[in-house]
Amino acid sequence: MNSTINLKIYGDDDEVIAEFETKRLRWGVVEDCIDLQEQLSGKSDKDKIISMRKLVQMVFPKLTDEQIRLADVNDIKLCFFQIVNMVKKIEGAEGKKE
């Protein structure tokens, strides 16, 4: 898998105080992502945002609740969509093999 998933955490002066990065997507995260896609249909925005946070924290288990609160909203969205796109590629590859 060549794609990199990353997330920066910012301090009070917008300085980067932590950075998370991985090139690996664990199989359990793939399963959870697919489950979330199915469960979120018709759910509230709050439920969707909480699910986004949970999914990002599954990819980066050392990412604390406090740290994720300091992340830029656009960085969180980008990170989330990087994960979803990787899962879609896996789903597409699996569908082609059948």
PDB file of N, CA and C in Angstrom:
ATOM      1  N   MET A   1       0.855  -1.168   0.000  1.00  0.00           N
ATOM      2  CA  MET A   1       0.000   0.000   0.000  1.00  0.00           C
ATOM      3  C   MET A   1       0.905   1.237   0.000  1.00  0.00           C
ATOM      4  N   ASN A   2       0.826   2.051  -1.007  1.00  0.00           N
ATOM      5  CA  ASN A   2       1.735   3.177  -1.159  1.00  0.00           C
ATOM      6  C   ASN A   2       1.246   4.452  -0.501  1.00  0.00           C
ATOM      7  N   SER A   3      -0.034   4.579  -0.248  1.00  0.00           N
ATOM      8  CA  SER A   3      -0.586   5.803   0.316  1.00  0.00           C
ATOM      9  C   SER A   3      -0.176   5.960   1.771  1.00  0.00           C
ATOM     10  N   THR A   4      -0.050   7.209   2.174  1.00  0.00           N
ATOM     11  CA  THR A   4       0.270   7.519   3.561  1.00  0.00           C
ATOM     12  C   THR A   4      -0.908   8.245   4.178  1.00  0.00           C
ATOM     13  N   ILE A   5      -1.278   7.822   5.375  1.00  0.00           N
ATOM     14  CA  ILE A   5      -2.323   8.490   6.143  1.00  0.00           C
ATOM     15  C   ILE A   5      -1.602   9.308   7.199  1.00  0.00           C
ATOM     16  N   ASN A   6      -1.930  10.594   7.282  1.00  0.00           N
ATOM     17  CA  ASN A   6      -1.251  11.416   8.280  1.00  0.00           C
ATOM     18  C   ASN A   6      -2.199  12.423   8.907  1.00  0.00           C
ATOM     19  N   LEU A   7      -1.803  12.880  10.091  1.00  0.00           N
ATOM     20  CA  LEU A   7      -2.585  13.854  10.843  1.00  0.00           C
ATOM     21  C   LEU A   7      -1.631  14.665  11.710  1.00  0.00           C
ATOM     22  N   LYS A   8      -1.782  15.981  11.641  1.00  0.00           N
ATOM     23  CA  LYS A   8      -0.981  16.884  12.478  1.00  0.00           C
ATOM     24  C   LYS A   8      -1.856  17.432  13.597  1.00  0.00           C
ATOM     25  N   ILE A   9      -1.219  17.639  14.736  1.00  0.00           N
ATOM     26  CA  ILE A   9      -1.880  18.227  15.903  1.00  0.00           C
ATOM     27  C   ILE A   9      -1.193  19.554  16.187  1.00  0.00           C
ATOM     28  N   TYR A  10      -2.000  20.581  16.414  1.00  0.00           N
ATOM     29  CA  TYR A  10      -1.476  21.942  16.556  1.00  0.00           C
ATOM     30  C   TYR A  10      -1.618  22.461  17.978  1.00  0.00           C
ATOM     31  N   GLY A  11      -0.660  23.306  18.369  1.00  0.00           N
ATOM     32  CA  GLY A  11      -0.688  23.954  19.664  1.00  0.00           C
ATOM     33  C   GLY A  11      -1.405  25.293  19.583  1.00  0.00           C
ATOM     34  N   ASP A  12      -1.325  26.051  20.668  1.00  0.00           N
ATOM     35  CA  ASP A  12      -2.020  27.337  20.766  1.00  0.00           C
ATOM     36  C   ASP A  12      -1.590  28.334  19.702  1.00  0.00           C
ATOM     37  N   ASP A  13      -0.339  28.302  19.303  1.00  0.00           N
ATOM     38  CA  ASP A  13       0.179  29.245  18.303  1.00  0.00           C
ATOM     39  C   ASP A  13       0.234  28.617  16.909  1.00  0.00           C
ATOM     40  N   ASP A  14      -0.583  27.608  16.686  1.00  0.00           N
ATOM     41  CA  ASP A  14      -0.649  26.892  15.410  1.00  0.00           C
ATOM     42  C   ASP A  14       0.647  26.172  15.045  1.00  0.00           C
ATOM     43  N   GLU A  15       1.508  25.950  16.027  1.00  0.00           N
ATOM     44  CA  GLU A  15       2.704  25.155  15.773  1.00  0.00           C
ATOM     45  C   GLU A  15       2.326  23.671  15.850  1.00  0.00           C
ATOM     46  N   VAL A  16       2.987  22.861  15.055  1.00  0.00           N
ATOM     47  CA  VAL A  16       2.734  21.422  15.077  1.00  0.00           C
ATOM     48  C   VAL A  16       3.358  20.857  16.343  1.00  0.00           C
ATOM     49  N   ILE A  17       2.523  20.262  17.193  1.00  0.00           N
ATOM     50  CA  ILE A  17       3.034  19.701  18.449  1.00  0.00           C
ATOM     51  C   ILE A  17       3.098  18.177  18.417  1.00  0.00           C
ATOM     52  N   ALA A  18       2.421  17.581  17.436  1.00  0.00           N
ATOM     53  CA  ALA A  18       2.482  16.125  17.261  1.00  0.00           C
ATOM     54  C   ALA A  18       2.080  15.801  15.826  1.00  0.00           C
ATOM     55  N   GLU A  19       2.611  14.700  15.340  1.00  0.00           N
ATOM     56  CA  GLU A  19       2.250  14.271  13.994  1.00  0.00           C
ATOM     57  C   GLU A  19       2.140  12.754  13.977  1.00  0.00           C
ATOM     58  N   PHE A  20       1.075  12.288  13.378  1.00  0.00           N
ATOM     59  CA  PHE A  20       0.823  10.855  13.267  1.00  0.00           C
ATOM     60  C   PHE A  20       0.853  10.489  11.786  1.00  0.00           C
ATOM     61  N   GLU A  21       1.472   9.345  11.495  1.00  0.00           N
ATOM     62  CA  GLU A  21       1.596   8.937  10.098  1.00  0.00           C
ATOM     63  C   GLU A  21       1.716   7.415  10.022  1.00  0.00           C
ATOM     64  N   THR A  22       1.072   6.848   9.022  1.00  0.00           N
ATOM     65  CA  THR A  22       1.195   5.412   8.791  1.00  0.00           C
ATOM     66  C   THR A  22       0.976   5.111   7.318  1.00  0.00           C
ATOM     67  N   LYS A  23       1.577   4.053   6.872  1.00  0.00           N
ATOM     68  CA  LYS A  23       1.341   3.555   5.518  1.00  0.00           C
ATOM     69  C   LYS A  23       0.543   2.259   5.560  1.00  0.00           C
ATOM     70  N   ARG A  24       0.223   1.827   6.751  1.00  0.00           N
ATOM     71  CA  ARG A  24      -0.476   0.558   6.925  1.00  0.00           C
ATOM     72  C   ARG A  24      -1.897   0.793   7.415  1.00  0.00           C
ATOM     73  N   LEU A  25      -2.811   0.012   6.866  1.00  0.00           N
ATOM     74  CA  LEU A  25      -4.195   0.054   7.306  1.00  0.00           C
ATOM     75  C   LEU A  25      -4.528  -1.339   7.816  1.00  0.00           C
ATOM     76  N   ARG A  26      -4.775  -1.449   9.100  1.00  0.00           N
ATOM     77  CA  ARG A  26      -5.041  -2.739   9.728  1.00  0.00           C
ATOM     78  C   ARG A  26      -6.385  -3.301   9.265  1.00  0.00           C
ATOM     79  N   TRP A  27      -6.461  -4.615   9.136  1.00  0.00           N
ATOM     80  CA  TRP A  27      -7.670  -5.263   8.634  1.00  0.00           C
ATOM     81  C   TRP A  27      -8.875  -4.958   9.510  1.00  0.00           C
ATOM     82  N   GLY A  28      -8.675  -4.892  10.806  1.00  0.00           N
ATOM     83  CA  GLY A  28      -9.782  -4.572  11.714  1.00  0.00           C
ATOM     84  C   GLY A  28     -10.368  -3.198  11.428  1.00  0.00           C
ATOM     85  N   VAL A  29      -9.533  -2.261  11.036  1.00  0.00           N
ATOM     86  CA  VAL A  29     -10.005  -0.921  10.682  1.00  0.00           C
ATOM     87  C   VAL A  29     -10.836  -0.986   9.410  1.00  0.00           C
ATOM     88  N   VAL A  30     -10.424  -1.805   8.464  1.00  0.00           N
ATOM     89  CA  VAL A  30     -11.187  -1.969   7.224  1.00  0.00           C
ATOM     90  C   VAL A  30     -12.583  -2.499   7.557  1.00  0.00           C
ATOM     91  N   GLU A  31     -12.645  -3.528   8.397  1.00  0.00           N
ATOM     92  CA  GLU A  31     -13.943  -4.086   8.787  1.00  0.00           C
ATOM     93  C   GLU A  31     -14.798  -3.049   9.503  1.00  0.00           C
ATOM     94  N   ASP A  32     -14.188  -2.305  10.425  1.00  0.00           N
ATOM     95  CA  ASP A  32     -14.929  -1.290  11.174  1.00  0.00           C
ATOM     96  C   ASP A  32     -15.411  -0.165  10.265  1.00  0.00           C
ATOM     97  N   CYS A  33     -14.612   0.194   9.289  1.00  0.00           N
ATOM     98  CA  CYS A  33     -14.987   1.247   8.350  1.00  0.00           C
ATOM     99  C   CYS A  33     -16.211   0.822   7.530  1.00  0.00           C
ATOM    100  N   ILE A  34     -16.211  -0.415   7.087  1.00  0.00           N
ATOM    101  CA  ILE A  34     -17.352  -0.923   6.322  1.00  0.00           C
ATOM    102  C   ILE A  34     -18.599  -0.954   7.198  1.00  0.00           C
ATOM    103  N   ASP A  35     -18.452  -1.399   8.453  1.00  0.00           N
ATOM    104  CA  ASP A  35     -19.578  -1.401   9.385  1.00  0.00           C
ATOM    105  C   ASP A  35     -20.118   0.006   9.595  1.00  0.00           C
ATOM    106  N   LEU A  36     -19.210   0.973   9.761  1.00  0.00           N
ATOM    107  CA  LEU A  36     -19.628   2.360   9.979  1.00  0.00           C
ATOM    108  C   LEU A  36     -20.401   2.900   8.779  1.00  0.00           C
ATOM    109  N   GLN A  37     -19.935   2.594   7.590  1.00  0.00           N
ATOM    110  CA  GLN A  37     -20.623   3.060   6.386  1.00  0.00           C
ATOM    111  C   GLN A  37     -22.064   2.577   6.386  1.00  0.00           C
ATOM    112  N   GLU A  38     -22.273   1.340   6.780  1.00  0.00           N
ATOM    113  CA  GLU A  38     -23.621   0.768   6.804  1.00  0.00           C
ATOM    114  C   GLU A  38     -24.463   1.354   7.927  1.00  0.00           C
ATOM    115  N   GLN A  39     -23.855   1.608   9.072  1.00  0.00           N
ATOM    116  CA  GLN A  39     -24.593   2.088  10.242  1.00  0.00           C
ATOM    117  C   GLN A  39     -24.945   3.565  10.176  1.00  0.00           C
ATOM    118  N   LEU A  40     -24.187   4.362   9.425  1.00  0.00           N
ATOM    119  CA  LEU A  40     -24.362   5.807   9.460  1.00  0.00           C
ATOM    120  C   LEU A  40     -25.459   6.336   8.542  1.00  0.00           C
ATOM    121  N   SER A  41     -26.020   5.489   7.742  1.00  0.00           N
ATOM    122  CA  SER A  41     -27.091   5.933   6.854  1.00  0.00           C
ATOM    123  C   SER A  41     -28.260   6.464   7.688  1.00  0.00           C
ATOM    124  N   GLY A  42     -28.599   7.732   7.472  1.00  0.00           N
ATOM    125  CA  GLY A  42     -29.710   8.351   8.188  1.00  0.00           C
ATOM    126  C   GLY A  42     -29.387   8.826   9.590  1.00  0.00           C
ATOM    127  N   LYS A  43     -28.133   8.737  10.012  1.00  0.00           N
ATOM    128  CA  LYS A  43     -27.754   9.171  11.363  1.00  0.00           C
ATOM    129  C   LYS A  43     -27.526  10.675  11.407  1.00  0.00           C
ATOM    130  N   SER A  44     -27.472  11.210  12.618  1.00  0.00           N
ATOM    131  CA  SER A  44     -27.265  12.643  12.815  1.00  0.00           C
ATOM    132  C   SER A  44     -25.826  13.029  12.504  1.00  0.00           C
ATOM    133  N   ASP A  45     -25.621  14.332  12.286  1.00  0.00           N
ATOM    134  CA  ASP A  45     -24.264  14.826  12.043  1.00  0.00           C
ATOM    135  C   ASP A  45     -23.361  14.528  13.234  1.00  0.00           C
ATOM    136  N   LYS A  46     -23.897  14.635  14.440  1.00  0.00           N
ATOM    137  CA  LYS A  46     -23.099  14.360  15.637  1.00  0.00           C
ATOM    138  C   LYS A  46     -22.607  12.916  15.626  1.00  0.00           C
ATOM    139  N   ASP A  47     -23.483  11.989  15.294  1.00  0.00           N
ATOM    140  CA  ASP A  47     -23.088  10.576  15.219  1.00  0.00           C
ATOM    141  C   ASP A  47     -22.007  10.364  14.168  1.00  0.00           C
ATOM    142  N   LYS A  48     -22.133  11.048  13.043  1.00  0.00           N
ATOM    143  CA  LYS A  48     -21.149  10.916  11.969  1.00  0.00           C
ATOM    144  C   LYS A  48     -19.793  11.455  12.396  1.00  0.00           C
ATOM    145  N   ILE A  49     -19.789  12.586  13.095  1.00  0.00           N
ATOM    146  CA  ILE A  49     -18.528  13.183  13.555  1.00  0.00           C
ATOM    147  C   ILE A  49     -17.859  12.296  14.594  1.00  0.00           C
ATOM    148  N   ILE A  50     -18.647  11.742  15.507  1.00  0.00           N
ATOM    149  CA  ILE A  50     -18.093  10.835  16.513  1.00  0.00           C
ATOM    150  C   ILE A  50     -17.497   9.605  15.838  1.00  0.00           C
ATOM    151  N   SER A  51     -18.170   9.101  14.817  1.00  0.00           N
ATOM    152  CA  SER A  51     -17.663   7.939  14.085  1.00  0.00           C
ATOM    153  C   SER A  51     -16.372   8.260  13.345  1.00  0.00           C
ATOM    154  N   MET A  52     -16.278   9.465  12.785  1.00  0.00           N
ATOM    155  CA  MET A  52     -15.041   9.880  12.125  1.00  0.00           C
ATOM    156  C   MET A  52     -13.893   9.869  13.117  1.00  0.00           C
ATOM    157  N   ARG A  53     -14.136  10.434  14.299  1.00  0.00           N
ATOM    158  CA  ARG A  53     -13.097  10.468  15.340  1.00  0.00           C
ATOM    159  C   ARG A  53     -12.672   9.058  15.710  1.00  0.00           C
ATOM    160  N   LYS A  54     -13.627   8.184  15.928  1.00  0.00           N
ATOM    161  CA  LYS A  54     -13.311   6.810  16.323  1.00  0.00           C
ATOM    162  C   LYS A  54     -12.472   6.101  15.262  1.00  0.00           C
ATOM    163  N   LEU A  55     -12.834   6.305  14.008  1.00  0.00           N
ATOM    164  CA  LEU A  55     -12.104   5.654  12.928  1.00  0.00           C
ATOM    165  C   LEU A  55     -10.662   6.165  12.844  1.00  0.00           C
ATOM    166  N   VAL A  56     -10.485   7.473  12.967  1.00  0.00           N
ATOM    167  CA  VAL A  56      -9.133   8.045  12.943  1.00  0.00           C
ATOM    168  C   VAL A  56      -8.325   7.519  14.126  1.00  0.00           C
ATOM    169  N   GLN A  57      -8.959   7.409  15.294  1.00  0.00           N
ATOM    170  CA  GLN A  57      -8.246   6.903  16.460  1.00  0.00           C
ATOM    171  C   GLN A  57      -7.950   5.405  16.354  1.00  0.00           C
ATOM    172  N   MET A  58      -8.719   4.668  15.560  1.00  0.00           N
ATOM    173  CA  MET A  58      -8.392   3.260  15.326  1.00  0.00           C
ATOM    174  C   MET A  58      -7.115   3.145  14.496  1.00  0.00           C
ATOM    175  N   VAL A  59      -6.954   4.051  13.545  1.00  0.00           N
ATOM    176  CA  VAL A  59      -5.753   4.042  12.711  1.00  0.00           C
ATOM    177  C   VAL A  59      -4.544   4.489  13.524  1.00  0.00           C
ATOM    178  N   PHE A  60      -4.754   5.474  14.409  1.00  0.00           N
ATOM    179  CA  PHE A  60      -3.685   5.995  15.267  1.00  0.00           C
ATOM    180  C   PHE A  60      -4.052   5.769  16.730  1.00  0.00           C
ATOM    181  N   PRO A  61      -3.823   4.563  17.263  1.00  0.00           N
ATOM    182  CA  PRO A  61      -4.261   4.233  18.621  1.00  0.00           C
ATOM    183  C   PRO A  61      -3.654   5.116  19.721  1.00  0.00           C
ATOM    184  N   LYS A  62      -2.516   5.728  19.459  1.00  0.00           N
ATOM    185  CA  LYS A  62      -1.894   6.591  20.477  1.00  0.00           C
ATOM    186  C   LYS A  62      -2.450   8.019  20.450  1.00  0.00           C
ATOM    187  N   LEU A  63      -3.316   8.314  19.505  1.00  0.00           N
ATOM    188  CA  LEU A  63      -3.947   9.625  19.392  1.00  0.00           C
ATOM    189  C   LEU A  63      -5.004   9.757  20.493  1.00  0.00           C
ATOM    190  N   THR A  64      -4.778  10.686  21.406  1.00  0.00           N
ATOM    191  CA  THR A  64      -5.692  10.857  22.536  1.00  0.00           C
ATOM    192  C   THR A  64      -6.889  11.734  22.157  1.00  0.00           C
ATOM    193  N   ASP A  65      -7.920  11.677  22.994  1.00  0.00           N
ATOM    194  CA  ASP A  65      -9.090  12.530  22.783  1.00  0.00           C
ATOM    195  C   ASP A  65      -8.688  14.005  22.827  1.00  0.00           C
ATOM    196  N   GLU A  66      -7.793  14.354  23.726  1.00  0.00           N
ATOM    197  CA  GLU A  66      -7.351  15.748  23.842  1.00  0.00           C
ATOM    198  C   GLU A  66      -6.591  16.187  22.589  1.00  0.00           C
ATOM    199  N   GLN A  67      -5.731  15.330  22.079  1.00  0.00           N
ATOM    200  CA  GLN A  67      -4.979  15.668  20.875  1.00  0.00           C
ATOM    201  C   GLN A  67      -5.907  15.865  19.676  1.00  0.00           C
ATOM    202  N   ILE A  68      -6.862  14.982  19.518  1.00  0.00           N
ATOM    203  CA  ILE A  68      -7.735  15.095  18.347  1.00  0.00           C
ATOM    204  C   ILE A  68      -8.571  16.373  18.413  1.00  0.00           C
ATOM    205  N   ARG A  69      -8.844  16.862  19.607  1.00  0.00           N
ATOM    206  CA  ARG A  69      -9.578  18.121  19.760  1.00  0.00           C
ATOM    207  C   ARG A  69      -8.743  19.309  19.277  1.00  0.00           C
ATOM    208  N   LEU A  70      -7.414  19.139  19.221  1.00  0.00           N
ATOM    209  CA  LEU A  70      -6.518  20.208  18.784  1.00  0.00           C
ATOM    210  C   LEU A  70      -6.207  20.145  17.287  1.00  0.00           C
ATOM    211  N   ALA A  71      -6.673  19.102  16.619  1.00  0.00           N
ATOM    212  CA  ALA A  71      -6.408  18.949  15.190  1.00  0.00           C
ATOM    213  C   ALA A  71      -7.286  19.905  14.383  1.00  0.00           C
ATOM    214  N   ASP A  72      -6.795  20.288  13.240  1.00  0.00           N
ATOM    215  CA  ASP A  72      -7.557  21.130  12.327  1.00  0.00           C
ATOM    216  C   ASP A  72      -8.686  20.302  11.712  1.00  0.00           C
ATOM    217  N   VAL A  73      -9.856  20.891  11.602  1.00  0.00           N
ATOM    218  CA  VAL A  73     -11.013  20.158  11.069  1.00  0.00           C
ATOM    219  C   VAL A  73     -10.756  19.640   9.655  1.00  0.00           C
ATOM    220  N   ASN A  74     -10.092  20.415   8.840  1.00  0.00           N
ATOM    221  CA  ASN A  74      -9.801  19.978   7.475  1.00  0.00           C
ATOM    222  C   ASN A  74      -8.809  18.823   7.458  1.00  0.00           C
ATOM    223  N   ASP A  75      -7.865  18.822   8.403  1.00  0.00           N
ATOM    224  CA  ASP A  75      -6.917  17.710   8.504  1.00  0.00           C
ATOM    225  C   ASP A  75      -7.634  16.420   8.910  1.00  0.00           C
ATOM    226  N   ILE A  76      -8.599  16.534   9.832  1.00  0.00           N
ATOM    227  CA  ILE A  76      -9.370  15.365  10.255  1.00  0.00           C
ATOM    228  C   ILE A  76     -10.165  14.815   9.080  1.00  0.00           C
ATOM    229  N   LYS A  77     -10.826  15.703   8.352  1.00  0.00           N
ATOM    230  CA  LYS A  77     -11.618  15.266   7.195  1.00  0.00           C
ATOM    231  C   LYS A  77     -10.731  14.601   6.149  1.00  0.00           C
ATOM    232  N   LEU A  78      -9.582  15.192   5.869  1.00  0.00           N
ATOM    233  CA  LEU A  78      -8.662  14.614   4.892  1.00  0.00           C
ATOM    234  C   LEU A  78      -8.193  13.234   5.350  1.00  0.00           C
ATOM    235  N   CYS A  79      -7.825  13.119   6.615  1.00  0.00           N
ATOM    236  CA  CYS A  79      -7.375  11.847   7.171  1.00  0.00           C
ATOM    237  C   CYS A  79      -8.492  10.797   7.041  1.00  0.00           C
ATOM    238  N   PHE A  80      -9.702  11.179   7.408  1.00  0.00           N
ATOM    239  CA  PHE A  80     -10.840  10.274   7.326  1.00  0.00           C
ATOM    240  C   PHE A  80     -11.056   9.796   5.895  1.00  0.00           C
ATOM    241  N   PHE A  81     -11.027  10.729   4.948  1.00  0.00           N
ATOM    242  CA  PHE A  81     -11.259  10.347   3.551  1.00  0.00           C
ATOM    243  C   PHE A  81     -10.096   9.537   2.971  1.00  0.00           C
ATOM    244  N   GLN A  82      -8.881   9.742   3.489  1.00  0.00           N
ATOM    245  CA  GLN A  82      -7.763   8.884   3.081  1.00  0.00           C
ATOM    246  C   GLN A  82      -8.056   7.438   3.494  1.00  0.00           C
ATOM    247  N   ILE A  83      -8.563   7.275   4.698  1.00  0.00           N
ATOM    248  CA  ILE A  83      -8.892   5.938   5.206  1.00  0.00           C
ATOM    249  C   ILE A  83     -10.006   5.323   4.354  1.00  0.00           C
ATOM    250  N   VAL A  84     -11.075   6.080   4.144  1.00  0.00           N
ATOM    251  CA  VAL A  84     -12.219   5.585   3.376  1.00  0.00           C
ATOM    252  C   VAL A  84     -11.795   5.211   1.956  1.00  0.00           C
ATOM    253  N   ASN A  85     -10.969   6.050   1.339  1.00  0.00           N
ATOM    254  CA  ASN A  85     -10.521   5.753  -0.022  1.00  0.00           C
ATOM    255  C   ASN A  85      -9.671   4.485  -0.082  1.00  0.00           C
ATOM    256  N   MET A  86      -8.840   4.263   0.932  1.00  0.00           N
ATOM    257  CA  MET A  86      -8.047   3.033   0.970  1.00  0.00           C
ATOM    258  C   MET A  86      -8.976   1.823   1.089  1.00  0.00           C
ATOM    259  N   VAL A  87     -10.013   1.945   1.906  1.00  0.00           N
ATOM    260  CA  VAL A  87     -10.965   0.847   2.076  1.00  0.00           C
ATOM    261  C   VAL A  87     -11.707   0.592   0.764  1.00  0.00           C
ATOM    262  N   LYS A  88     -12.093   1.657   0.080  1.00  0.00           N
ATOM    263  CA  LYS A  88     -12.791   1.492  -1.198  1.00  0.00           C
ATOM    264  C   LYS A  88     -11.910   0.786  -2.223  1.00  0.00           C
ATOM    265  N   LYS A  89     -10.622   1.094  -2.212  1.00  0.00           N
ATOM    266  CA  LYS A  89      -9.698   0.412  -3.125  1.00  0.00           C
ATOM    267  C   LYS A  89      -9.639  -1.077  -2.815  1.00  0.00           C
ATOM    268  N   ILE A  90      -9.650  -1.409  -1.540  1.00  0.00           N
ATOM    269  CA  ILE A  90      -9.624  -2.818  -1.135  1.00  0.00           C
ATOM    270  C   ILE A  90     -10.923  -3.490  -1.562  1.00  0.00           C
ATOM    271  N   GLU A  91     -12.047  -2.830  -1.311  1.00  0.00           N
ATOM    272  CA  GLU A  91     -13.346  -3.388  -1.707  1.00  0.00           C
ATOM    273  C   GLU A  91     -13.387  -3.598  -3.216  1.00  0.00           C
ATOM    274  N   GLY A  92     -12.886  -2.642  -3.980  1.00  0.00           N
ATOM    275  CA  GLY A  92     -12.859  -2.747  -5.439  1.00  0.00           C
ATOM    276  C   GLY A  92     -11.990  -3.897  -5.901  1.00  0.00           C
ATOM    277  N   ALA A  93     -10.839  -4.066  -5.271  1.00  0.00           N
ATOM    278  CA  ALA A  93      -9.930  -5.156  -5.628  1.00  0.00           C
ATOM    279  C   ALA A  93     -10.555  -6.499  -5.305  1.00  0.00           C
ATOM    280  N   GLU A  94     -11.251  -6.576  -4.189  1.00  0.00           N
ATOM    281  CA  GLU A  94     -11.903  -7.824  -3.815  1.00  0.00           C
ATOM    282  C   GLU A  94     -13.021  -8.166  -4.790  1.00  0.00           C
ATOM    283  N   GLY A  95     -13.777  -7.155  -5.211  1.00  0.00           N
ATOM    284  CA  GLY A  95     -14.879  -7.381  -6.141  1.00  0.00           C
ATOM    285  C   GLY A  95     -14.397  -7.864  -7.494  1.00  0.00           C
ATOM    286  N   LYS A  96     -13.233  -7.437  -7.919  1.00  0.00           N
ATOM    287  CA  LYS A  96     -12.688  -7.826  -9.229  1.00  0.00           C
ATOM    288  C   LYS A  96     -12.208  -9.269  -9.229  1.00  0.00           C
ATOM    289  N   LYS A  97     -11.860  -9.793  -8.061  1.00  0.00           N
ATOM    290  CA  LYS A  97     -11.331 -11.156  -7.993  1.00  0.00           C
ATOM    291  C   LYS A  97     -12.430 -12.199  -8.125  1.00  0.00           C
ATOM    292  N   GLU A  98     -13.652 -11.831  -7.795  1.00  0.00           N
ATOM    293  CA  GLU A  98     -14.744 -12.809  -7.801  1.00  0.00           C
ATOM    294  C   GLU A  98     -15.162 -13.191  -9.191  1.00  0.00           C
TER     295      GLU A  98
END
